[in-house]
Amino acid sequence: MLPSLSNLPKFIFSLLALFALNACVSADYSKLNNYKTSLKVSSSNLNTQLKDNNSIYIYLVKVKENEIILATIKRPLEELDKQKLIKFNPADRELLKLKLALKALLKGPTDKELKSKLGSEIPIGTRLVSVQRENEKLIINLSEQFTYGGGASSIITRYKQLMKTLQANLNSPKNAKNIYLNIEGKPLERIGGEGLIISNPMNFDLDKV
């Protein structure tokens, strides 16, 4: 039901407020005044590899002491997901962990994390289309929203969020050698109008991105 004419200004204001709130979740930290554009990774749990079936890790963005950093976020798993992981072999367990971690990453920060000034450069609406193995390849397939908007710093930041999340949830660092990134089923070669060139398989050397 549409609002009455007398309530229309209030209705429009509410819509604008909602859009503003959603925009904050994916704020472009690289455009904040007086903040360095070099991206640092939080040292806590930097090389964490999941050895249990209770948690996944994602990487969100935070401004700390005038620098943009990737913050390590530990997320407990739902009981049903824990039970699934216990029953799987190592390869299938890794695949499920990656799916759960990527879905959590793309969903963005929780209300509590937003209050702690955590955000994400991954555009709202980005979906995980699939995660699958083809021979020795592990293919991550995202929706096209991942490539939308933002300047070079924003694009690099979201790419690093994705890489660190993948890295933290692999069974072994060696498994990062053959991860490929697709957008809507097609290999990703560059992101954005400024053309950040993407290597496939993904290059997990953060200093070279």
N, C-alpha and C. Protein backbone atom coordinates (compact mmCIF):
# COMPACT_ATOMS: atom_id res chain seq x y z
N MET A 1 0.85 -1.20 0.00
CA MET A 1 0.00 0.00 0.00
C MET A 1 0.88 1.25 0.00
N LEU A 2 0.60 2.19 -0.87
CA LEU A 2 1.38 3.43 -0.95
C LEU A 2 1.03 4.35 0.20
N PRO A 3 1.99 5.16 0.68
CA PRO A 3 1.70 6.09 1.77
C PRO A 3 0.78 7.20 1.31
N SER A 4 0.01 7.77 2.26
CA SER A 4 -0.86 8.89 1.94
C SER A 4 -0.02 10.11 1.62
N LEU A 5 -0.66 11.11 0.97
CA LEU A 5 0.09 12.31 0.59
C LEU A 5 0.65 13.03 1.79
N SER A 6 -0.08 13.01 2.90
CA SER A 6 0.39 13.72 4.10
C SER A 6 1.64 13.09 4.68
N ASN A 7 1.82 11.77 4.43
CA ASN A 7 2.98 11.08 4.97
C ASN A 7 4.11 10.91 3.95
N LEU A 8 3.91 11.44 2.74
CA LEU A 8 4.88 11.24 1.67
C LEU A 8 6.27 11.80 1.99
N PRO A 9 6.39 13.03 2.52
CA PRO A 9 7.75 13.54 2.85
C PRO A 9 8.47 12.63 3.84
N LYS A 10 7.75 12.14 4.84
CA LYS A 10 8.35 11.27 5.83
C LYS A 10 8.80 9.95 5.20
N PHE A 11 7.98 9.43 4.27
CA PHE A 11 8.29 8.19 3.57
C PHE A 11 9.55 8.34 2.73
N ILE A 12 9.66 9.45 2.01
CA ILE A 12 10.82 9.71 1.17
C ILE A 12 12.08 9.84 2.03
N PHE A 13 11.95 10.54 3.15
CA PHE A 13 13.09 10.70 4.06
C PHE A 13 13.57 9.34 4.56
N SER A 14 12.62 8.47 4.88
CA SER A 14 12.97 7.14 5.38
C SER A 14 13.74 6.34 4.33
N LEU A 15 13.29 6.46 3.07
CA LEU A 15 13.98 5.77 1.99
C LEU A 15 15.41 6.28 1.83
N LEU A 16 15.56 7.60 1.87
CA LEU A 16 16.90 8.18 1.73
C LEU A 16 17.81 7.75 2.86
N ALA A 17 17.27 7.69 4.06
CA ALA A 17 18.06 7.26 5.22
C ALA A 17 18.50 5.82 5.07
N LEU A 18 17.61 4.97 4.52
CA LEU A 18 17.94 3.57 4.32
C LEU A 18 19.05 3.41 3.29
N PHE A 19 18.95 4.16 2.19
CA PHE A 19 19.99 4.10 1.17
C PHE A 19 21.34 4.56 1.72
N ALA A 20 21.30 5.59 2.55
CA ALA A 20 22.54 6.12 3.13
C ALA A 20 23.19 5.10 4.04
N LEU A 21 22.35 4.39 4.82
CA LEU A 21 22.87 3.38 5.73
C LEU A 21 23.52 2.24 4.97
N ASN A 22 22.88 1.80 3.88
CA ASN A 22 23.45 0.72 3.07
C ASN A 22 24.75 1.14 2.43
N ALA A 23 24.84 2.38 2.02
CA ALA A 23 26.06 2.86 1.37
C ALA A 23 27.24 2.83 2.33
N CYS A 24 26.96 3.05 3.62
CA CYS A 24 28.02 3.08 4.62
C CYS A 24 28.70 1.72 4.76
N VAL A 25 27.95 0.65 4.50
CA VAL A 25 28.51 -0.68 4.65
C VAL A 25 29.65 -0.90 3.68
N SER A 26 29.56 -0.27 2.51
CA SER A 26 30.58 -0.45 1.49
C SER A 26 31.28 0.87 1.19
N ALA A 27 31.58 1.62 2.23
CA ALA A 27 32.19 2.92 2.06
C ALA A 27 33.57 2.80 1.43
N ASP A 28 33.92 3.74 0.56
CA ASP A 28 35.22 3.76 -0.07
C ASP A 28 36.20 4.45 0.87
N TYR A 29 36.86 3.67 1.74
CA TYR A 29 37.78 4.23 2.72
C TYR A 29 38.94 4.97 2.06
N SER A 30 39.27 4.57 0.83
CA SER A 30 40.41 5.17 0.16
C SER A 30 40.20 6.65 -0.14
N LYS A 31 38.94 7.13 -0.08
CA LYS A 31 38.66 8.53 -0.40
C LYS A 31 38.57 9.41 0.85
N LEU A 32 38.72 8.82 2.02
CA LEU A 32 38.66 9.63 3.24
C LEU A 32 39.87 10.56 3.30
N ASN A 33 39.63 11.81 3.69
CA ASN A 33 40.72 12.77 3.75
C ASN A 33 41.76 12.38 4.79
N ASN A 34 43.02 12.63 4.47
CA ASN A 34 44.13 12.45 5.38
C ASN A 34 44.44 10.99 5.72
N TYR A 35 43.88 10.05 4.98
CA TYR A 35 44.21 8.65 5.22
C TYR A 35 45.16 8.16 4.14
N LYS A 36 46.14 7.39 4.56
CA LYS A 36 47.11 6.85 3.61
C LYS A 36 46.42 5.79 2.75
N THR A 37 46.82 5.73 1.50
CA THR A 37 46.19 4.78 0.60
C THR A 37 46.86 3.41 0.62
N SER A 38 48.04 3.32 1.25
CA SER A 38 48.69 2.02 1.34
C SER A 38 47.89 1.13 2.28
N LEU A 39 47.66 -0.11 1.86
CA LEU A 39 46.82 -1.02 2.63
C LEU A 39 47.70 -1.96 3.43
N LYS A 40 47.48 -2.01 4.73
CA LYS A 40 48.21 -2.92 5.59
C LYS A 40 47.28 -4.02 6.08
N VAL A 41 47.87 -5.17 6.39
CA VAL A 41 47.09 -6.30 6.87
C VAL A 41 47.31 -6.45 8.37
N SER A 42 46.22 -6.62 9.10
CA SER A 42 46.32 -6.81 10.54
C SER A 42 47.21 -8.00 10.86
N SER A 43 48.10 -7.84 11.83
CA SER A 43 49.03 -8.92 12.16
C SER A 43 48.36 -10.04 12.94
N SER A 44 47.23 -9.77 13.56
CA SER A 44 46.56 -10.80 14.36
C SER A 44 45.95 -11.86 13.44
N ASN A 45 46.30 -13.11 13.73
CA ASN A 45 45.78 -14.24 12.95
C ASN A 45 46.10 -14.14 11.46
N LEU A 46 47.20 -13.47 11.13
CA LEU A 46 47.52 -13.23 9.73
C LEU A 46 47.64 -14.53 8.93
N ASN A 47 48.32 -15.51 9.51
CA ASN A 47 48.54 -16.76 8.79
C ASN A 47 47.71 -17.90 9.36
N THR A 48 46.59 -17.57 9.94
CA THR A 48 45.74 -18.58 10.55
C THR A 48 45.25 -19.58 9.51
N GLN A 49 45.45 -20.83 9.78
CA GLN A 49 44.86 -21.90 8.97
C GLN A 49 43.87 -22.64 9.87
N LEU A 50 42.69 -22.88 9.37
CA LEU A 50 41.67 -23.49 10.20
C LEU A 50 41.97 -24.96 10.43
N LYS A 51 42.17 -25.33 11.69
CA LYS A 51 42.45 -26.71 12.06
C LYS A 51 41.27 -27.33 12.78
N ASP A 52 40.16 -26.61 12.89
CA ASP A 52 38.99 -27.13 13.58
C ASP A 52 37.76 -26.91 12.71
N ASN A 53 36.64 -27.36 13.20
CA ASN A 53 35.40 -27.25 12.43
C ASN A 53 34.44 -26.24 13.06
N ASN A 54 34.98 -25.30 13.82
CA ASN A 54 34.12 -24.41 14.59
C ASN A 54 34.05 -22.98 14.06
N SER A 55 35.00 -22.60 13.20
CA SER A 55 35.06 -21.19 12.80
C SER A 55 35.51 -21.02 11.35
N ILE A 56 35.18 -19.86 10.82
CA ILE A 56 35.74 -19.40 9.55
C ILE A 56 36.32 -18.02 9.79
N TYR A 57 37.12 -17.52 8.84
CA TYR A 57 37.73 -16.21 8.98
C TYR A 57 37.42 -15.38 7.73
N ILE A 58 37.10 -14.11 7.95
CA ILE A 58 36.94 -13.19 6.82
C ILE A 58 37.76 -11.94 7.11
N TYR A 59 37.95 -11.13 6.08
CA TYR A 59 38.74 -9.89 6.23
C TYR A 59 37.88 -8.69 5.87
N LEU A 60 37.74 -7.80 6.85
CA LEU A 60 37.01 -6.55 6.64
C LEU A 60 37.99 -5.38 6.69
N VAL A 61 37.49 -4.21 6.40
CA VAL A 61 38.34 -3.01 6.31
C VAL A 61 38.13 -2.12 7.53
N LYS A 62 39.22 -1.57 8.02
CA LYS A 62 39.12 -0.65 9.14
C LYS A 62 40.22 0.41 9.02
N VAL A 63 39.90 1.61 9.44
CA VAL A 63 40.89 2.68 9.48
C VAL A 63 41.49 2.71 10.88
N LYS A 64 42.80 2.62 10.96
CA LYS A 64 43.49 2.60 12.24
C LYS A 64 44.72 3.48 12.16
N GLU A 65 44.75 4.49 13.03
CA GLU A 65 45.90 5.40 13.07
C GLU A 65 46.22 5.94 11.68
N ASN A 66 45.19 6.46 11.01
CA ASN A 66 45.32 7.09 9.70
C ASN A 66 45.78 6.15 8.59
N GLU A 67 45.61 4.86 8.81
CA GLU A 67 45.94 3.91 7.75
C GLU A 67 44.77 2.94 7.56
N ILE A 68 44.61 2.47 6.34
CA ILE A 68 43.59 1.48 6.04
C ILE A 68 44.19 0.10 6.23
N ILE A 69 43.54 -0.73 7.03
CA ILE A 69 44.05 -2.08 7.27
C ILE A 69 42.97 -3.11 6.98
N LEU A 70 43.40 -4.33 6.77
CA LEU A 70 42.48 -5.45 6.69
C LEU A 70 42.44 -6.10 8.07
N ALA A 71 41.27 -6.14 8.64
CA ALA A 71 41.10 -6.70 9.99
C ALA A 71 40.62 -8.14 9.89
N THR A 72 41.25 -9.03 10.65
CA THR A 72 40.87 -10.43 10.69
C THR A 72 39.65 -10.62 11.57
N ILE A 73 38.61 -11.19 11.01
CA ILE A 73 37.37 -11.40 11.75
C ILE A 73 37.08 -12.89 11.86
N LYS A 74 36.95 -13.38 13.09
CA LYS A 74 36.64 -14.79 13.33
C LYS A 74 35.13 -14.93 13.49
N ARG A 75 34.54 -15.83 12.72
CA ARG A 75 33.10 -16.04 12.77
C ARG A 75 32.81 -17.49 13.18
N PRO A 76 32.10 -17.71 14.27
CA PRO A 76 31.73 -19.08 14.65
C PRO A 76 30.71 -19.65 13.67
N LEU A 77 30.82 -20.94 13.42
CA LEU A 77 29.90 -21.60 12.50
C LEU A 77 28.62 -22.03 13.20
N GLU A 78 27.56 -22.13 12.43
CA GLU A 78 26.31 -22.67 12.93
C GLU A 78 26.52 -24.16 13.23
N GLU A 79 25.75 -24.67 14.18
CA GLU A 79 25.90 -26.06 14.59
C GLU A 79 25.70 -27.03 13.43
N LEU A 80 24.76 -26.75 12.56
CA LEU A 80 24.50 -27.61 11.41
C LEU A 80 25.71 -27.69 10.49
N ASP A 81 26.37 -26.54 10.26
CA ASP A 81 27.57 -26.52 9.41
C ASP A 81 28.72 -27.28 10.07
N LYS A 82 28.83 -27.19 11.39
CA LYS A 82 29.87 -27.95 12.10
C LYS A 82 29.69 -29.44 11.88
N GLN A 83 28.46 -29.90 11.97
CA GLN A 83 28.18 -31.33 11.80
C GLN A 83 28.49 -31.79 10.37
N LYS A 84 28.22 -30.94 9.40
CA LYS A 84 28.53 -31.27 8.00
C LYS A 84 30.03 -31.43 7.81
N LEU A 85 30.78 -30.51 8.38
CA LEU A 85 32.23 -30.53 8.20
C LEU A 85 32.86 -31.79 8.79
N ILE A 86 32.34 -32.23 9.92
CA ILE A 86 32.88 -33.41 10.58
C ILE A 86 32.77 -34.64 9.67
N LYS A 87 31.70 -34.71 8.90
CA LYS A 87 31.43 -35.89 8.07
C LYS A 87 32.20 -35.87 6.75
N PHE A 88 32.71 -34.70 6.35
CA PHE A 88 33.36 -34.58 5.04
C PHE A 88 34.82 -35.02 5.08
N ASN A 89 35.35 -35.42 3.91
CA ASN A 89 36.78 -35.66 3.78
C ASN A 89 37.48 -34.31 3.68
N PRO A 90 38.81 -34.25 3.84
CA PRO A 90 39.52 -32.96 3.86
C PRO A 90 39.25 -32.06 2.66
N ALA A 91 39.19 -32.64 1.46
CA ALA A 91 38.98 -31.83 0.26
C ALA A 91 37.59 -31.20 0.25
N ASP A 92 36.58 -31.98 0.58
CA ASP A 92 35.21 -31.45 0.61
C ASP A 92 35.02 -30.49 1.78
N ARG A 93 35.73 -30.75 2.87
CA ARG A 93 35.67 -29.86 4.02
C ARG A 93 36.22 -28.49 3.66
N GLU A 94 37.32 -28.48 2.93
CA GLU A 94 37.91 -27.21 2.49
C GLU A 94 36.95 -26.45 1.58
N LEU A 95 36.30 -27.17 0.67
CA LEU A 95 35.36 -26.54 -0.25
C LEU A 95 34.20 -25.90 0.49
N LEU A 96 33.65 -26.60 1.48
CA LEU A 96 32.52 -26.05 2.24
C LEU A 96 32.96 -24.84 3.07
N LYS A 97 34.13 -24.91 3.67
CA LYS A 97 34.64 -23.78 4.45
C LYS A 97 34.77 -22.54 3.57
N LEU A 98 35.29 -22.74 2.37
CA LEU A 98 35.45 -21.60 1.46
C LEU A 98 34.09 -21.01 1.09
N LYS A 99 33.11 -21.86 0.82
CA LYS A 99 31.78 -21.36 0.49
C LYS A 99 31.19 -20.56 1.64
N LEU A 100 31.30 -21.09 2.86
CA LEU A 100 30.75 -20.41 4.03
C LEU A 100 31.47 -19.08 4.28
N ALA A 101 32.80 -19.09 4.13
CA ALA A 101 33.58 -17.88 4.37
C ALA A 101 33.28 -16.82 3.33
N LEU A 102 33.18 -17.22 2.07
CA LEU A 102 32.92 -16.26 1.01
C LEU A 102 31.52 -15.65 1.14
N LYS A 103 30.54 -16.46 1.48
CA LYS A 103 29.19 -15.94 1.68
C LYS A 103 29.17 -14.92 2.82
N ALA A 104 29.90 -15.22 3.89
CA ALA A 104 29.97 -14.29 5.03
C ALA A 104 30.68 -13.00 4.62
N LEU A 105 31.75 -13.12 3.85
CA LEU A 105 32.49 -11.94 3.39
C LEU A 105 31.61 -11.05 2.53
N LEU A 106 30.89 -11.65 1.58
CA LEU A 106 30.07 -10.87 0.65
C LEU A 106 28.87 -10.24 1.35
N LYS A 107 28.41 -10.86 2.42
CA LYS A 107 27.30 -10.30 3.18
C LYS A 107 27.71 -9.02 3.90
N GLY A 108 29.00 -8.93 4.24
CA GLY A 108 29.51 -7.71 4.87
C GLY A 108 29.46 -7.75 6.37
N PRO A 109 29.82 -6.64 7.01
CA PRO A 109 29.89 -6.58 8.47
C PRO A 109 28.52 -6.68 9.13
N THR A 110 28.51 -7.24 10.32
CA THR A 110 27.30 -7.29 11.13
C THR A 110 27.04 -5.91 11.74
N ASP A 111 25.89 -5.74 12.37
CA ASP A 111 25.58 -4.47 13.03
C ASP A 111 26.63 -4.15 14.10
N LYS A 112 27.04 -5.17 14.83
CA LYS A 112 28.04 -4.97 15.88
C LYS A 112 29.37 -4.53 15.28
N GLU A 113 29.75 -5.14 14.16
CA GLU A 113 31.01 -4.80 13.50
C GLU A 113 30.95 -3.39 12.90
N LEU A 114 29.79 -3.00 12.39
CA LEU A 114 29.63 -1.64 11.89
C LEU A 114 29.85 -0.61 12.98
N LYS A 115 29.35 -0.91 14.18
CA LYS A 115 29.54 0.00 15.31
C LYS A 115 31.01 0.09 15.71
N SER A 116 31.78 -0.96 15.37
CA SER A 116 33.22 -0.96 15.65
C SER A 116 34.02 -0.36 14.49
N LYS A 117 33.31 0.32 13.57
CA LYS A 117 33.92 1.02 12.43
C LYS A 117 34.54 0.06 11.41
N LEU A 118 34.02 -1.15 11.34
CA LEU A 118 34.47 -2.09 10.32
C LEU A 118 33.58 -1.94 9.09
N GLY A 119 34.17 -2.07 7.92
CA GLY A 119 33.42 -1.94 6.68
C GLY A 119 33.95 -2.89 5.64
N SER A 120 33.51 -2.71 4.41
CA SER A 120 33.94 -3.55 3.30
C SER A 120 33.92 -2.75 2.01
N GLU A 121 34.89 -3.01 1.16
CA GLU A 121 34.92 -2.37 -0.16
C GLU A 121 34.23 -3.23 -1.21
N ILE A 122 33.76 -4.39 -0.84
CA ILE A 122 33.05 -5.25 -1.78
C ILE A 122 31.65 -4.69 -1.98
N PRO A 123 31.25 -4.40 -3.21
CA PRO A 123 29.96 -3.75 -3.46
C PRO A 123 28.78 -4.57 -2.93
N ILE A 124 27.80 -3.86 -2.37
CA ILE A 124 26.58 -4.49 -1.90
C ILE A 124 25.89 -5.20 -3.06
N GLY A 125 25.42 -6.40 -2.81
CA GLY A 125 24.73 -7.17 -3.84
C GLY A 125 25.61 -8.20 -4.52
N THR A 126 26.91 -8.19 -4.24
CA THR A 126 27.80 -9.20 -4.81
C THR A 126 27.43 -10.57 -4.25
N ARG A 127 27.26 -11.56 -5.14
CA ARG A 127 26.85 -12.89 -4.74
C ARG A 127 27.93 -13.92 -5.08
N LEU A 128 27.96 -14.99 -4.30
CA LEU A 128 28.79 -16.13 -4.64
C LEU A 128 27.98 -17.03 -5.56
N VAL A 129 28.40 -17.12 -6.82
CA VAL A 129 27.68 -17.96 -7.79
C VAL A 129 28.01 -19.42 -7.57
N SER A 130 29.31 -19.72 -7.42
CA SER A 130 29.71 -21.10 -7.19
C SER A 130 31.16 -21.18 -6.75
N VAL A 131 31.50 -22.28 -6.11
CA VAL A 131 32.88 -22.66 -5.82
C VAL A 131 33.00 -24.11 -6.25
N GLN A 132 33.90 -24.40 -7.19
CA GLN A 132 33.98 -25.76 -7.68
C GLN A 132 35.40 -26.12 -8.08
N ARG A 133 35.65 -27.42 -8.10
CA ARG A 133 36.94 -27.94 -8.54
C ARG A 133 36.82 -28.50 -9.95
N GLU A 134 37.81 -28.19 -10.76
CA GLU A 134 37.94 -28.79 -12.09
C GLU A 134 39.36 -29.30 -12.20
N ASN A 135 39.52 -30.62 -12.07
CA ASN A 135 40.85 -31.23 -12.00
C ASN A 135 41.62 -30.61 -10.84
N GLU A 136 42.74 -29.93 -11.10
CA GLU A 136 43.51 -29.34 -10.01
C GLU A 136 43.13 -27.88 -9.76
N LYS A 137 42.21 -27.34 -10.55
CA LYS A 137 41.80 -25.94 -10.40
C LYS A 137 40.70 -25.80 -9.36
N LEU A 138 40.77 -24.74 -8.59
CA LEU A 138 39.67 -24.34 -7.71
C LEU A 138 39.13 -23.02 -8.25
N ILE A 139 37.89 -23.02 -8.71
CA ILE A 139 37.33 -21.86 -9.40
C ILE A 139 36.31 -21.16 -8.52
N ILE A 140 36.57 -19.88 -8.24
CA ILE A 140 35.66 -19.03 -7.48
C ILE A 140 34.87 -18.20 -8.48
N ASN A 141 33.57 -18.32 -8.47
CA ASN A 141 32.73 -17.62 -9.44
C ASN A 141 31.83 -16.63 -8.70
N LEU A 142 32.03 -15.33 -8.94
CA LEU A 142 31.25 -14.28 -8.29
C LEU A 142 30.33 -13.59 -9.29
N SER A 143 29.34 -12.89 -8.76
CA SER A 143 28.45 -12.12 -9.63
C SER A 143 29.14 -10.84 -10.08
N GLU A 144 28.59 -10.22 -11.10
CA GLU A 144 29.22 -9.07 -11.74
C GLU A 144 29.33 -7.85 -10.83
N GLN A 145 28.53 -7.81 -9.76
CA GLN A 145 28.58 -6.65 -8.85
C GLN A 145 29.97 -6.45 -8.23
N PHE A 146 30.75 -7.53 -8.16
CA PHE A 146 32.09 -7.43 -7.57
C PHE A 146 32.95 -6.42 -8.31
N THR A 147 32.68 -6.19 -9.59
CA THR A 147 33.51 -5.29 -10.40
C THR A 147 32.95 -3.87 -10.46
N TYR A 148 31.84 -3.60 -9.77
CA TYR A 148 31.18 -2.31 -9.89
C TYR A 148 31.86 -1.22 -9.05
N GLY A 149 31.95 -0.03 -9.61
CA GLY A 149 32.26 1.19 -8.88
C GLY A 149 33.60 1.22 -8.18
N GLY A 150 33.89 2.40 -7.60
CA GLY A 150 35.10 2.57 -6.82
C GLY A 150 36.31 2.93 -7.67
N GLY A 151 37.26 3.60 -7.04
CA GLY A 151 38.52 3.91 -7.71
C GLY A 151 39.50 2.77 -7.56
N ALA A 152 40.74 3.03 -7.97
CA ALA A 152 41.76 1.98 -7.95
C ALA A 152 41.99 1.42 -6.56
N SER A 153 42.04 2.30 -5.54
CA SER A 153 42.30 1.84 -4.17
C SER A 153 41.17 0.96 -3.66
N SER A 154 39.94 1.35 -3.99
CA SER A 154 38.79 0.54 -3.58
C SER A 154 38.83 -0.84 -4.22
N ILE A 155 39.18 -0.89 -5.49
CA ILE A 155 39.23 -2.16 -6.21
C ILE A 155 40.33 -3.06 -5.65
N ILE A 156 41.49 -2.49 -5.40
CA ILE A 156 42.59 -3.27 -4.82
C ILE A 156 42.21 -3.80 -3.45
N THR A 157 41.54 -2.95 -2.66
CA THR A 157 41.16 -3.35 -1.31
C THR A 157 40.19 -4.53 -1.33
N ARG A 158 39.17 -4.48 -2.17
CA ARG A 158 38.19 -5.58 -2.21
C ARG A 158 38.85 -6.87 -2.69
N TYR A 159 39.79 -6.73 -3.64
CA TYR A 159 40.50 -7.90 -4.15
C TYR A 159 41.34 -8.53 -3.04
N LYS A 160 41.97 -7.68 -2.22
CA LYS A 160 42.77 -8.20 -1.12
C LYS A 160 41.90 -8.82 -0.03
N GLN A 161 40.72 -8.24 0.20
CA GLN A 161 39.78 -8.85 1.14
C GLN A 161 39.44 -10.28 0.70
N LEU A 162 39.21 -10.42 -0.58
CA LEU A 162 38.87 -11.73 -1.13
C LEU A 162 40.05 -12.70 -1.00
N MET A 163 41.24 -12.26 -1.37
CA MET A 163 42.41 -13.12 -1.32
C MET A 163 42.71 -13.59 0.09
N LYS A 164 42.70 -12.67 1.05
CA LYS A 164 43.03 -13.03 2.43
C LYS A 164 41.98 -13.97 3.01
N THR A 165 40.72 -13.76 2.66
CA THR A 165 39.66 -14.66 3.15
C THR A 165 39.87 -16.06 2.60
N LEU A 166 40.20 -16.16 1.31
CA LEU A 166 40.47 -17.47 0.72
C LEU A 166 41.67 -18.13 1.40
N GLN A 167 42.72 -17.36 1.56
CA GLN A 167 43.96 -17.88 2.13
C GLN A 167 43.76 -18.41 3.54
N ALA A 168 42.97 -17.72 4.34
CA ALA A 168 42.78 -18.09 5.75
C ALA A 168 41.94 -19.35 5.92
N ASN A 169 41.18 -19.72 4.89
CA ASN A 169 40.28 -20.86 5.02
C ASN A 169 40.67 -22.08 4.20
N LEU A 170 41.88 -22.04 3.63
CA LEU A 170 42.40 -23.19 2.90
C LEU A 170 43.02 -24.18 3.87
N ASN A 171 43.00 -25.44 3.51
CA ASN A 171 43.62 -26.47 4.35
C ASN A 171 45.13 -26.30 4.40
N SER A 172 45.70 -25.81 3.30
CA SER A 172 47.15 -25.64 3.21
C SER A 172 47.47 -24.44 2.33
N PRO A 173 48.53 -23.66 2.67
CA PRO A 173 48.92 -22.53 1.83
C PRO A 173 49.23 -22.95 0.39
N LYS A 174 49.67 -24.19 0.20
CA LYS A 174 50.00 -24.68 -1.13
C LYS A 174 48.77 -24.70 -2.05
N ASN A 175 47.60 -24.79 -1.45
CA ASN A 175 46.37 -24.87 -2.24
C ASN A 175 46.03 -23.54 -2.92
N ALA A 176 46.74 -22.48 -2.58
CA ALA A 176 46.47 -21.17 -3.18
C ALA A 176 47.06 -21.04 -4.58
N LYS A 177 47.84 -22.02 -5.01
CA LYS A 177 48.52 -21.91 -6.29
C LYS A 177 47.59 -22.01 -7.49
N ASN A 178 46.47 -22.68 -7.33
CA ASN A 178 45.60 -22.94 -8.47
C ASN A 178 44.18 -22.46 -8.24
N ILE A 179 44.04 -21.24 -7.70
CA ILE A 179 42.71 -20.66 -7.51
C ILE A 179 42.45 -19.64 -8.62
N TYR A 180 41.34 -19.81 -9.29
CA TYR A 180 40.97 -18.94 -10.41
C TYR A 180 39.71 -18.16 -10.04
N LEU A 181 39.66 -16.91 -10.48
CA LEU A 181 38.52 -16.05 -10.20
C LEU A 181 37.73 -15.78 -11.47
N ASN A 182 36.46 -16.16 -11.46
CA ASN A 182 35.54 -15.90 -12.56
C ASN A 182 34.47 -14.92 -12.14
N ILE A 183 33.96 -14.17 -13.11
CA ILE A 183 32.80 -13.30 -12.91
C ILE A 183 31.70 -13.77 -13.85
N GLU A 184 30.60 -14.22 -13.27
CA GLU A 184 29.47 -14.74 -14.07
C GLU A 184 29.95 -15.82 -15.05
N GLY A 185 30.87 -16.67 -14.59
CA GLY A 185 31.31 -17.80 -15.39
C GLY A 185 32.46 -17.53 -16.34
N LYS A 186 32.92 -16.27 -16.41
CA LYS A 186 34.01 -15.92 -17.32
C LYS A 186 35.25 -15.51 -16.52
N PRO A 187 36.45 -15.96 -16.93
CA PRO A 187 37.67 -15.59 -16.23
C PRO A 187 37.83 -14.07 -16.12
N LEU A 188 38.16 -13.60 -14.93
CA LEU A 188 38.33 -12.16 -14.72
C LEU A 188 39.75 -11.75 -15.11
N GLU A 189 39.85 -10.77 -15.98
CA GLU A 189 41.15 -10.30 -16.45
C GLU A 189 41.50 -8.92 -15.92
N ARG A 190 40.49 -8.08 -15.70
CA ARG A 190 40.73 -6.76 -15.12
C ARG A 190 39.47 -6.28 -14.44
N ILE A 191 39.62 -5.35 -13.48
CA ILE A 191 38.48 -4.83 -12.73
C ILE A 191 38.42 -3.32 -12.90
N GLY A 192 37.21 -2.81 -13.18
CA GLY A 192 36.98 -1.37 -13.14
C GLY A 192 37.50 -0.63 -14.35
N GLY A 193 37.05 0.65 -14.41
CA GLY A 193 37.43 1.50 -15.52
C GLY A 193 38.90 1.80 -15.56
N GLU A 194 39.54 1.78 -14.38
CA GLU A 194 40.98 2.05 -14.33
C GLU A 194 41.79 0.81 -14.67
N GLY A 195 41.10 -0.33 -14.78
CA GLY A 195 41.74 -1.52 -15.34
C GLY A 195 42.79 -2.19 -14.48
N LEU A 196 42.44 -2.55 -13.23
CA LEU A 196 43.36 -3.35 -12.43
C LEU A 196 43.47 -4.73 -13.08
N ILE A 197 44.67 -5.07 -13.52
CA ILE A 197 44.88 -6.35 -14.21
C ILE A 197 44.92 -7.47 -13.19
N ILE A 198 44.14 -8.52 -13.45
CA ILE A 198 44.04 -9.65 -12.54
C ILE A 198 44.74 -10.85 -13.14
N SER A 199 45.57 -11.51 -12.34
CA SER A 199 46.22 -12.73 -12.81
C SER A 199 45.33 -13.92 -12.49
N ASN A 200 45.28 -14.88 -13.38
CA ASN A 200 44.55 -16.12 -13.18
C ASN A 200 45.48 -17.27 -13.53
N PRO A 201 45.89 -18.11 -12.57
CA PRO A 201 45.41 -18.17 -11.19
C PRO A 201 45.77 -16.92 -10.39
N MET A 202 45.04 -16.75 -9.27
CA MET A 202 45.20 -15.55 -8.47
C MET A 202 46.59 -15.46 -7.87
N ASN A 203 47.11 -14.23 -7.78
CA ASN A 203 48.43 -13.99 -7.21
C ASN A 203 48.26 -13.61 -5.74
N PHE A 204 48.70 -14.48 -4.84
CA PHE A 204 48.50 -14.25 -3.42
C PHE A 204 49.63 -13.47 -2.77
N ASP A 205 50.52 -12.92 -3.58
CA ASP A 205 51.56 -12.04 -3.06
C ASP A 205 50.95 -10.63 -2.98
N LEU A 206 50.51 -10.22 -1.78
CA LEU A 206 49.78 -8.97 -1.61
C LEU A 206 50.58 -7.76 -2.05
N ASP A 207 51.91 -7.84 -1.93
CA ASP A 207 52.74 -6.69 -2.27
C ASP A 207 52.79 -6.44 -3.78
N LYS A 208 52.38 -7.43 -4.58
CA LYS A 208 52.45 -7.29 -6.02
C LYS A 208 51.10 -6.99 -6.66
N VAL A 209 50.10 -6.72 -5.82
CA VAL A 209 48.77 -6.38 -6.35
C VAL A 209 48.62 -4.87 -6.41
